[in-house]
C-alpha atoms as a PDB file:
ATOM      1  CA  UNK A   1     -13.548 -13.600  -6.678  1.00  0.00           C
ATOM      2  CA  UNK A   2     -15.868 -11.774  -4.317  1.00  0.00           C
ATOM      3  CA  UNK A   3     -17.736  -8.848  -5.878  1.00  0.00           C
ATOM      4  CA  UNK A   4     -15.788  -6.334  -3.826  1.00  0.00           C
ATOM      5  CA  UNK A   5     -12.972  -7.474  -1.528  1.00  0.00           C
ATOM      6  CA  UNK A   6     -12.975  -4.050   0.125  1.00  0.00           C
ATOM      7  CA  UNK A   7     -16.568  -4.360   1.364  1.00  0.00           C
ATOM      8  CA  UNK A   8     -15.412  -6.253   4.444  1.00  0.00           C
ATOM      9  CA  UNK A   9     -12.231  -4.215   4.988  1.00  0.00           C
ATOM     10  CA  UNK A  10     -12.078  -1.892   7.964  1.00  0.00           C
ATOM     11  CA  UNK A  11      -9.436  -0.451  10.251  1.00  0.00           C
ATOM     12  CA  UNK A  12     -10.432  -3.169  12.739  1.00  0.00           C
ATOM     13  CA  UNK A  13      -9.206  -5.996  10.495  1.00  0.00           C
ATOM     14  CA  UNK A  14      -6.189  -4.188   9.003  1.00  0.00           C
ATOM     15  CA  UNK A  15      -2.714  -5.533   9.770  1.00  0.00           C
ATOM     16  CA  UNK A  16      -1.242  -3.953  12.947  1.00  0.00           C
ATOM     17  CA  UNK A  17       1.280  -1.845  11.006  1.00  0.00           C
ATOM     18  CA  UNK A  18      -1.400  -0.415   8.715  1.00  0.00           C
ATOM     19  CA  UNK A  19      -3.718   0.168  11.666  1.00  0.00           C
ATOM     20  CA  UNK A  20      -0.974   2.033  13.575  1.00  0.00           C
ATOM     21  CA  UNK A  21      -0.283   4.191  10.503  1.00  0.00           C
ATOM     22  CA  UNK A  22      -4.009   5.015  10.262  1.00  0.00           C
ATOM     23  CA  UNK A  23      -4.631   3.369   6.880  1.00  0.00           C
ATOM     24  CA  UNK A  24      -8.001   4.036   5.209  1.00  0.00           C
ATOM     25  CA  UNK A  25      -9.179   2.913   1.762  1.00  0.00           C
ATOM     26  CA  UNK A  26     -10.144   5.751  -0.588  1.00  0.00           C
ATOM     27  CA  UNK A  27     -10.703   3.851  -3.844  1.00  0.00           C
ATOM     28  CA  UNK A  28      -9.817   0.732  -5.816  1.00  0.00           C
ATOM     29  CA  UNK A  29      -9.985   0.212  -9.577  1.00  0.00           C
ATOM     30  CA  UNK A  30     -10.060  -3.535 -10.206  1.00  0.00           C
ATOM     31  CA  UNK A  31      -9.419  -3.235 -13.960  1.00  0.00           C
ATOM     32  CA  UNK A  32      -6.443  -0.861 -13.613  1.00  0.00           C
ATOM     33  CA  UNK A  33      -5.209  -2.702 -10.476  1.00  0.00           C
ATOM     34  CA  UNK A  34      -4.881   0.691  -8.785  1.00  0.00           C
ATOM     35  CA  UNK A  35      -5.541   1.377  -5.092  1.00  0.00           C
ATOM     36  CA  UNK A  36      -5.606   4.739  -3.323  1.00  0.00           C
ATOM     37  CA  UNK A  37      -5.202   4.875   0.451  1.00  0.00           C
ATOM     38  CA  UNK A  38      -5.017   7.592   3.067  1.00  0.00           C
ATOM     39  CA  UNK A  39      -2.825   7.407   6.147  1.00  0.00           C
ATOM     40  CA  UNK A  40      -3.352   9.443   9.298  1.00  0.00           C
ATOM     41  CA  UNK A  41      -0.395   8.344  11.423  1.00  0.00           C
ATOM     42  CA  UNK A  42       0.268   9.142  15.066  1.00  0.00           C
ATOM     43  CA  UNK A  43       2.570  12.067  15.821  1.00  0.00           C
ATOM     44  CA  UNK A  44       5.294   9.521  16.683  1.00  0.00           C
ATOM     45  CA  UNK A  45       6.325   9.563  12.987  1.00  0.00           C
ATOM     46  CA  UNK A  46       7.815  13.066  13.184  1.00  0.00           C
ATOM     47  CA  UNK A  47      11.628  13.297  13.101  1.00  0.00           C
ATOM     48  CA  UNK A  48      14.062  15.893  14.546  1.00  0.00           C
ATOM     49  CA  UNK A  49      13.460  18.105  11.508  1.00  0.00           C
ATOM     50  CA  UNK A  50       9.747  18.336  12.266  1.00  0.00           C
ATOM     51  CA  UNK A  51       8.619  16.338   9.221  1.00  0.00           C
ATOM     52  CA  UNK A  52       7.544  12.710   8.729  1.00  0.00           C
ATOM     53  CA  UNK A  53      10.563  10.394   8.937  1.00  0.00           C
ATOM     54  CA  UNK A  54      11.261   8.697   5.580  1.00  0.00           C
ATOM     55  CA  UNK A  55      11.089   5.144   6.896  1.00  0.00           C
ATOM     56  CA  UNK A  56       7.447   5.643   7.828  1.00  0.00           C
ATOM     57  CA  UNK A  57       6.704   7.003   4.352  1.00  0.00           C
ATOM     58  CA  UNK A  58       8.288   3.878   2.864  1.00  0.00           C
ATOM     59  CA  UNK A  59       6.181   1.711   5.194  1.00  0.00           C
ATOM     60  CA  UNK A  60       3.011   3.456   3.955  1.00  0.00           C
ATOM     61  CA  UNK A  61       3.945   2.822   0.327  1.00  0.00           C
ATOM     62  CA  UNK A  62       4.919  -0.802   1.059  1.00  0.00           C
ATOM     63  CA  UNK A  63       1.600  -1.394   2.873  1.00  0.00           C
ATOM     64  CA  UNK A  64      -0.311   0.154  -0.045  1.00  0.00           C
ATOM     65  CA  UNK A  65       1.506  -1.916  -2.680  1.00  0.00           C
ATOM     66  CA  UNK A  66       1.167  -5.146  -0.685  1.00  0.00           C
ATOM     67  CA  UNK A  67      -2.550  -4.668  -0.019  1.00  0.00           C
ATOM     68  CA  UNK A  68      -3.179  -3.715  -3.650  1.00  0.00           C
ATOM     69  CA  UNK A  69      -1.244  -6.745  -4.869  1.00  0.00           C
ATOM     70  CA  UNK A  70      -3.278  -9.011  -2.570  1.00  0.00           C
ATOM     71  CA  UNK A  71      -6.720  -7.777  -3.658  1.00  0.00           C
ATOM     72  CA  UNK A  72      -5.898  -7.086  -7.324  1.00  0.00           C
ATOM     73  CA  UNK A  73      -4.500 -10.583  -7.869  1.00  0.00           C
ATOM     74  CA  UNK A  74      -7.570 -12.295  -6.437  1.00  0.00           C
ATOM     75  CA  UNK A  75      -6.566 -12.681  -2.776  1.00  0.00           C
ATOM     76  CA  UNK A  76      -4.839 -15.949  -3.653  1.00  0.00           C
ATOM     77  CA  UNK A  77      -1.221 -15.103  -2.733  1.00  0.00           C
ATOM     78  CA  UNK A  78       0.881 -13.991   0.158  1.00  0.00           C
ATOM     79  CA  UNK A  79       3.391 -11.430  -0.974  1.00  0.00           C
ATOM     80  CA  UNK A  80       6.794 -10.567   0.402  1.00  0.00           C
ATOM     81  CA  UNK A  81       8.790  -7.553  -0.704  1.00  0.00           C
ATOM     82  CA  UNK A  82      11.922  -8.652  -2.572  1.00  0.00           C
ATOM     83  CA  UNK A  83      13.217  -5.156  -3.248  1.00  0.00           C
ATOM     84  CA  UNK A  84      12.008  -1.611  -2.912  1.00  0.00           C
ATOM     85  CA  UNK A  85      13.530   1.534  -4.419  1.00  0.00           C
ATOM     86  CA  UNK A  86      12.347   4.939  -3.242  1.00  0.00           C
ATOM     87  CA  UNK A  87      12.973   8.448  -4.482  1.00  0.00           C
ATOM     88  CA  UNK A  88      12.105  11.212  -2.023  1.00  0.00           C
ATOM     89  CA  UNK A  89      11.136  14.373  -3.896  1.00  0.00           C
ATOM     90  CA  UNK A  90      10.375  16.661  -0.946  1.00  0.00           C
ATOM     91  CA  UNK A  91       9.816  16.665   2.816  1.00  0.00           C
ATOM     92  CA  UNK A  92       6.372  15.638   4.065  1.00  0.00           C
ATOM     93  CA  UNK A  93       4.700  17.695   6.743  1.00  0.00           C
ATOM     94  CA  UNK A  94       2.678  15.898   9.391  1.00  0.00           C
ATOM     95  CA  UNK A  95      -0.973  15.301   8.457  1.00  0.00           C
ATOM     96  CA  UNK A  96      -3.113  13.168   6.160  1.00  0.00           C
ATOM     97  CA  UNK A  97      -0.950  11.413   3.576  1.00  0.00           C
ATOM     98  CA  UNK A  98      -2.271   9.654   0.472  1.00  0.00           C
ATOM     99  CA  UNK A  99      -0.662   6.834  -1.486  1.00  0.00           C
ATOM    100  CA  UNK A 100      -1.652   5.500  -4.886  1.00  0.00           C
ATOM    101  CA  UNK A 101      -0.340   2.004  -5.668  1.00  0.00           C
ATOM    102  CA  UNK A 102      -0.409   0.125  -8.988  1.00  0.00           C
ATOM    103  CA  UNK A 103       0.346  -3.417 -10.073  1.00  0.00           C
ATOM    104  CA  UNK A 104       2.507  -2.891 -13.158  1.00  0.00           C
ATOM    105  CA  UNK A 105       2.879  -6.560 -14.070  1.00  0.00           C
ATOM    106  CA  UNK A 106       2.365  -9.872 -12.340  1.00  0.00           C
ATOM    107  CA  UNK A 107       3.604 -13.324 -13.183  1.00  0.00           C
ATOM    108  CA  UNK A 108       3.119 -16.577 -11.326  1.00  0.00           C
ATOM    109  CA  UNK A 109       5.831 -15.946  -8.755  1.00  0.00           C
ATOM    110  CA  UNK A 110       6.734 -12.231  -8.890  1.00  0.00           C
ATOM    111  CA  UNK A 111       4.726  -9.006  -9.146  1.00  0.00           C
ATOM    112  CA  UNK A 112       6.091  -5.572 -10.031  1.00  0.00           C
ATOM    113  CA  UNK A 113       4.501  -2.545  -8.385  1.00  0.00           C
ATOM    114  CA  UNK A 114       4.743   1.238  -8.179  1.00  0.00           C
ATOM    115  CA  UNK A 115       3.457   3.774  -5.682  1.00  0.00           C
ATOM    116  CA  UNK A 116       3.313   7.537  -5.353  1.00  0.00           C
ATOM    117  CA  UNK A 117       2.957   9.345  -2.041  1.00  0.00           C
ATOM    118  CA  UNK A 118       1.293  12.750  -1.652  1.00  0.00           C
ATOM    119  CA  UNK A 119       1.744  14.986   1.381  1.00  0.00           C
ATOM    120  CA  UNK A 120      -1.024  16.830   3.247  1.00  0.00           C
ATOM    121  CA  UNK A 121      -0.726  19.648   0.701  1.00  0.00           C
ATOM    122  CA  UNK A 122      -1.574  17.209  -2.131  1.00  0.00           C
ATOM    123  CA  UNK A 123       1.872  17.532  -3.722  1.00  0.00           C
ATOM    124  CA  UNK A 124       3.814  14.481  -4.912  1.00  0.00           C
ATOM    125  CA  UNK A 125       6.507  13.780  -2.312  1.00  0.00           C
ATOM    126  CA  UNK A 126       7.892  10.287  -3.044  1.00  0.00           C
ATOM    127  CA  UNK A 127       7.853   7.520  -5.627  1.00  0.00           C
ATOM    128  CA  UNK A 128       8.758   3.893  -5.163  1.00  0.00           C
ATOM    129  CA  UNK A 129       9.010   0.710  -7.189  1.00  0.00           C
ATOM    130  CA  UNK A 130       8.948  -2.759  -5.767  1.00  0.00           C
ATOM    131  CA  UNK A 131       9.136  -6.434  -6.665  1.00  0.00           C
ATOM    132  CA  UNK A 132       7.128  -8.851  -4.549  1.00  0.00           C
ATOM    133  CA  UNK A 133       7.459 -12.623  -4.304  1.00  0.00           C
ATOM    134  CA  UNK A 134       4.065 -14.302  -4.645  1.00  0.00           C
ATOM    135  CA  UNK A 135       3.345 -17.472  -2.679  1.00  0.00           C
ATOM    136  CA  UNK A 136       0.012 -19.213  -3.271  1.00  0.00           C
ATOM    137  CA  UNK A 137      -2.237 -19.562  -0.245  1.00  0.00           C
ATOM    138  CA  UNK A 138      -4.006 -22.901  -0.485  1.00  0.00           C
ATOM    139  CA  UNK A 139      -7.760 -22.511  -0.621  1.00  0.00           C
ATOM    140  CA  UNK A 140      -7.789 -18.713  -0.716  1.00  0.00           C
ATOM    141  CA  UNK A 141      -8.668 -18.336  -4.411  1.00  0.00           C
ATOM    142  CA  UNK A 142     -11.602 -20.719  -4.041  1.00  0.00           C
ATOM    143  CA  UNK A 143     -12.790 -18.977  -0.849  1.00  0.00           C
ATOM    144  CA  UNK A 144     -12.736 -15.610  -2.613  1.00  0.00           C
ATOM    145  CA  UNK A 145     -14.986 -16.819  -5.455  1.00  0.00           C
END
């Protein structure tokens, strides 16, 4: 695996959804398989109540878990969300949002992940768990070494 898969990551090469949501890497712990991201989304994410609409918060957590799964498992698999369960704990005001994602366990074909989302005030606002189907990408593990 490359020494640091994040060294070549930038907003320019992020997936379009992550780019639109303003995803930025804060930190990654390879051993703990833990990734922390910030999101600075456009104002289009605000709902009628004046807070960030929940679907966008879920998208941020899904992006964080998927990206973490990809880099933490050696950039050798595509992943597709099988299921995702979210608990909203409080409304999220518009502003910089942070998400911490963890790989809880990974087998050959399925990975189990968790994420926590923190609003601009730094308070925990949502938690989610997810299962992701892993599909090997031919040649990717060797290219990453």
